[in-house]
Structure formats: C-alpha cells, structure tokens
C-alpha cells in the first residue's frame, strides 16, 4: 500500500481520533478517509476516561466561573517547559 508521511501540523489534528473520519478540503469536498490505528488498550483507556467525565458538571462549572474561566494553554506551556528542562 502506498503511504503519505504526516507532518507535525496534521498529526496534531489527527491525535485523539478513534473512529474513521472523512478528510475534506476547504470547500467541503471529500479528499479521503482516515482510519486510525487504535489498540484495545488505548480504546479501554479512552472509554474509562469518558466514564469518569460528567459533561453536566463541566457545563455547570463553566457557567459558574463565567468570564473568570481560563484557558488550559498556560498550564500546557508550563508542563512542556518543565519536560524540556527535566
């Protein structure tokens, strides 16, 4: 089978996809399909995480915090910086 090497930018978009998806261009035309390779262990971990989450609780917390809610981006940046140092 022929293959395409995915750059880092596309890899970010594909990360976390567990089911087959269509890939479309900017005009909405289907250019292909992507079927991720998901091991049973990864699927079990994902399913367990979903069970632990309560969407209603997230919505309630977000509504409660209103515009005080902050982005997770600063936390991720600090974690990435500490990974590079350690």
C-alpha atoms as a PDB file:
ATOM      1  CA  UNK A   1       0.000   0.000   0.000  1.00  0.00           C
ATOM      2  CA  UNK A   2       1.237   3.485  -0.785  1.00  0.00           C
ATOM      3  CA  UNK A   3       1.527   5.942   2.068  1.00  0.00           C
ATOM      4  CA  UNK A   4       1.757   9.641   2.916  1.00  0.00           C
ATOM      5  CA  UNK A   5       4.055  10.978   5.634  1.00  0.00           C
ATOM      6  CA  UNK A   6       2.128  13.251   8.004  1.00  0.00           C
ATOM      7  CA  UNK A   7       3.795  16.454   9.203  1.00  0.00           C
ATOM      8  CA  UNK A   8       3.542  17.661  12.801  1.00  0.00           C
ATOM      9  CA  UNK A   9       0.711  20.056  11.992  1.00  0.00           C
ATOM     10  CA  UNK A  10      -1.515  17.319  10.566  1.00  0.00           C
ATOM     11  CA  UNK A  11      -0.556  14.942  13.351  1.00  0.00           C
ATOM     12  CA  UNK A  12      -1.987  17.417  15.876  1.00  0.00           C
ATOM     13  CA  UNK A  13      -5.309  17.322  14.008  1.00  0.00           C
ATOM     14  CA  UNK A  14      -5.379  13.536  13.888  1.00  0.00           C
ATOM     15  CA  UNK A  15      -4.399  12.952  17.517  1.00  0.00           C
ATOM     16  CA  UNK A  16      -7.254  11.647  19.622  1.00  0.00           C
ATOM     17  CA  UNK A  17      -9.385  10.479  16.700  1.00  0.00           C
ATOM     18  CA  UNK A  18     -10.624   6.991  17.494  1.00  0.00           C
ATOM     19  CA  UNK A  19     -13.154   6.402  14.725  1.00  0.00           C
ATOM     20  CA  UNK A  20     -12.835   6.659  10.923  1.00  0.00           C
ATOM     21  CA  UNK A  21     -13.332  10.209   9.604  1.00  0.00           C
ATOM     22  CA  UNK A  22     -13.585  11.939   6.246  1.00  0.00           C
ATOM     23  CA  UNK A  23     -10.874  14.394   5.305  1.00  0.00           C
ATOM     24  CA  UNK A  24     -12.243  17.379   3.392  1.00  0.00           C
ATOM     25  CA  UNK A  25     -10.720  20.352   1.640  1.00  0.00           C
ATOM     26  CA  UNK A  26     -11.699  23.950   2.427  1.00  0.00           C
ATOM     27  CA  UNK A  27     -14.635  23.755   0.023  1.00  0.00           C
ATOM     28  CA  UNK A  28     -16.043  20.736   1.831  1.00  0.00           C
ATOM     29  CA  UNK A  29     -15.120  18.184  -0.824  1.00  0.00           C
ATOM     30  CA  UNK A  30     -14.054  14.771   0.438  1.00  0.00           C
ATOM     31  CA  UNK A  31     -10.419  14.145  -0.413  1.00  0.00           C
ATOM     32  CA  UNK A  32     -10.022  10.929   1.536  1.00  0.00           C
ATOM     33  CA  UNK A  33     -10.702   8.910   4.625  1.00  0.00           C
ATOM     34  CA  UNK A  34      -8.629   8.393   7.743  1.00  0.00           C
ATOM     35  CA  UNK A  35      -8.951   5.247   9.815  1.00  0.00           C
ATOM     36  CA  UNK A  36      -6.819   5.460  12.955  1.00  0.00           C
ATOM     37  CA  UNK A  37      -4.947   2.514  14.395  1.00  0.00           C
ATOM     38  CA  UNK A  38      -6.348   2.176  17.921  1.00  0.00           C
ATOM     39  CA  UNK A  39      -5.102  -0.609  20.144  1.00  0.00           C
ATOM     40  CA  UNK A  40      -7.551  -2.255  22.553  1.00  0.00           C
ATOM     41  CA  UNK A  41      -5.551  -0.777  25.437  1.00  0.00           C
ATOM     42  CA  UNK A  42      -5.867   2.774  24.105  1.00  0.00           C
ATOM     43  CA  UNK A  43      -9.583   2.268  23.471  1.00  0.00           C
ATOM     44  CA  UNK A  44     -10.102   0.924  27.007  1.00  0.00           C
ATOM     45  CA  UNK A  45      -8.241   3.896  28.487  1.00  0.00           C
ATOM     46  CA  UNK A  46     -10.339   6.332  26.444  1.00  0.00           C
ATOM     47  CA  UNK A  47     -13.595   4.585  27.412  1.00  0.00           C
ATOM     48  CA  UNK A  48     -12.614   4.664  31.097  1.00  0.00           C
ATOM     49  CA  UNK A  49     -11.830   8.395  30.903  1.00  0.00           C
ATOM     50  CA  UNK A  50     -15.182   9.098  29.246  1.00  0.00           C
ATOM     51  CA  UNK A  51     -16.978   7.213  32.025  1.00  0.00           C
ATOM     52  CA  UNK A  52     -15.201   9.353  34.627  1.00  0.00           C
ATOM     53  CA  UNK A  53     -16.251  12.638  32.990  1.00  0.00           C
ATOM     54  CA  UNK A  54     -19.537  14.331  33.702  1.00  0.00           C
ATOM     55  CA  UNK A  55     -20.446  16.743  30.913  1.00  0.00           C
ATOM     56  CA  UNK A  56     -23.180  18.351  33.024  1.00  0.00           C
ATOM     57  CA  UNK A  57     -20.637  19.059  35.776  1.00  0.00           C
ATOM     58  CA  UNK A  58     -18.256  20.675  33.260  1.00  0.00           C
ATOM     59  CA  UNK A  59     -21.091  22.846  31.941  1.00  0.00           C
ATOM     60  CA  UNK A  60     -22.085  23.826  35.491  1.00  0.00           C
ATOM     61  CA  UNK A  61     -18.508  24.768  36.406  1.00  0.00           C
ATOM     62  CA  UNK A  62     -18.062  26.771  33.230  1.00  0.00           C
ATOM     63  CA  UNK A  63     -21.324  28.657  33.821  1.00  0.00           C
ATOM     64  CA  UNK A  64     -20.344  29.243  37.449  1.00  0.00           C
ATOM     65  CA  UNK A  65     -16.951  30.691  36.539  1.00  0.00           C
ATOM     66  CA  UNK A  66     -18.249  32.742  33.625  1.00  0.00           C
ATOM     67  CA  UNK A  67     -15.549  35.035  32.273  1.00  0.00           C
ATOM     68  CA  UNK A  68     -13.258  34.032  35.168  1.00  0.00           C
ATOM     69  CA  UNK A  69     -12.686  30.709  33.383  1.00  0.00           C
ATOM     70  CA  UNK A  70      -9.178  30.473  31.987  1.00  0.00           C
ATOM     71  CA  UNK A  71      -7.620  28.628  29.104  1.00  0.00           C
ATOM     72  CA  UNK A  72      -5.633  25.480  29.691  1.00  0.00           C
ATOM     73  CA  UNK A  73      -2.932  26.852  27.361  1.00  0.00           C
ATOM     74  CA  UNK A  74      -0.807  28.436  30.151  1.00  0.00           C
ATOM     75  CA  UNK A  75      -0.800  25.159  32.080  1.00  0.00           C
ATOM     76  CA  UNK A  76       0.220  23.191  28.993  1.00  0.00           C
ATOM     77  CA  UNK A  77       3.003  25.665  28.281  1.00  0.00           C
ATOM     78  CA  UNK A  78       4.378  25.255  31.818  1.00  0.00           C
ATOM     79  CA  UNK A  79       4.214  21.464  31.529  1.00  0.00           C
ATOM     80  CA  UNK A  80       6.012  21.498  28.187  1.00  0.00           C
ATOM     81  CA  UNK A  81       8.690  23.798  29.573  1.00  0.00           C
ATOM     82  CA  UNK A  82       9.259  21.509  32.553  1.00  0.00           C
ATOM     83  CA  UNK A  83       9.517  18.479  30.229  1.00  0.00           C
ATOM     84  CA  UNK A  84      12.275  20.192  28.267  1.00  0.00           C
ATOM     85  CA  UNK A  85      14.176  21.009  31.468  1.00  0.00           C
ATOM     86  CA  UNK A  86      13.797  17.565  33.031  1.00  0.00           C
END
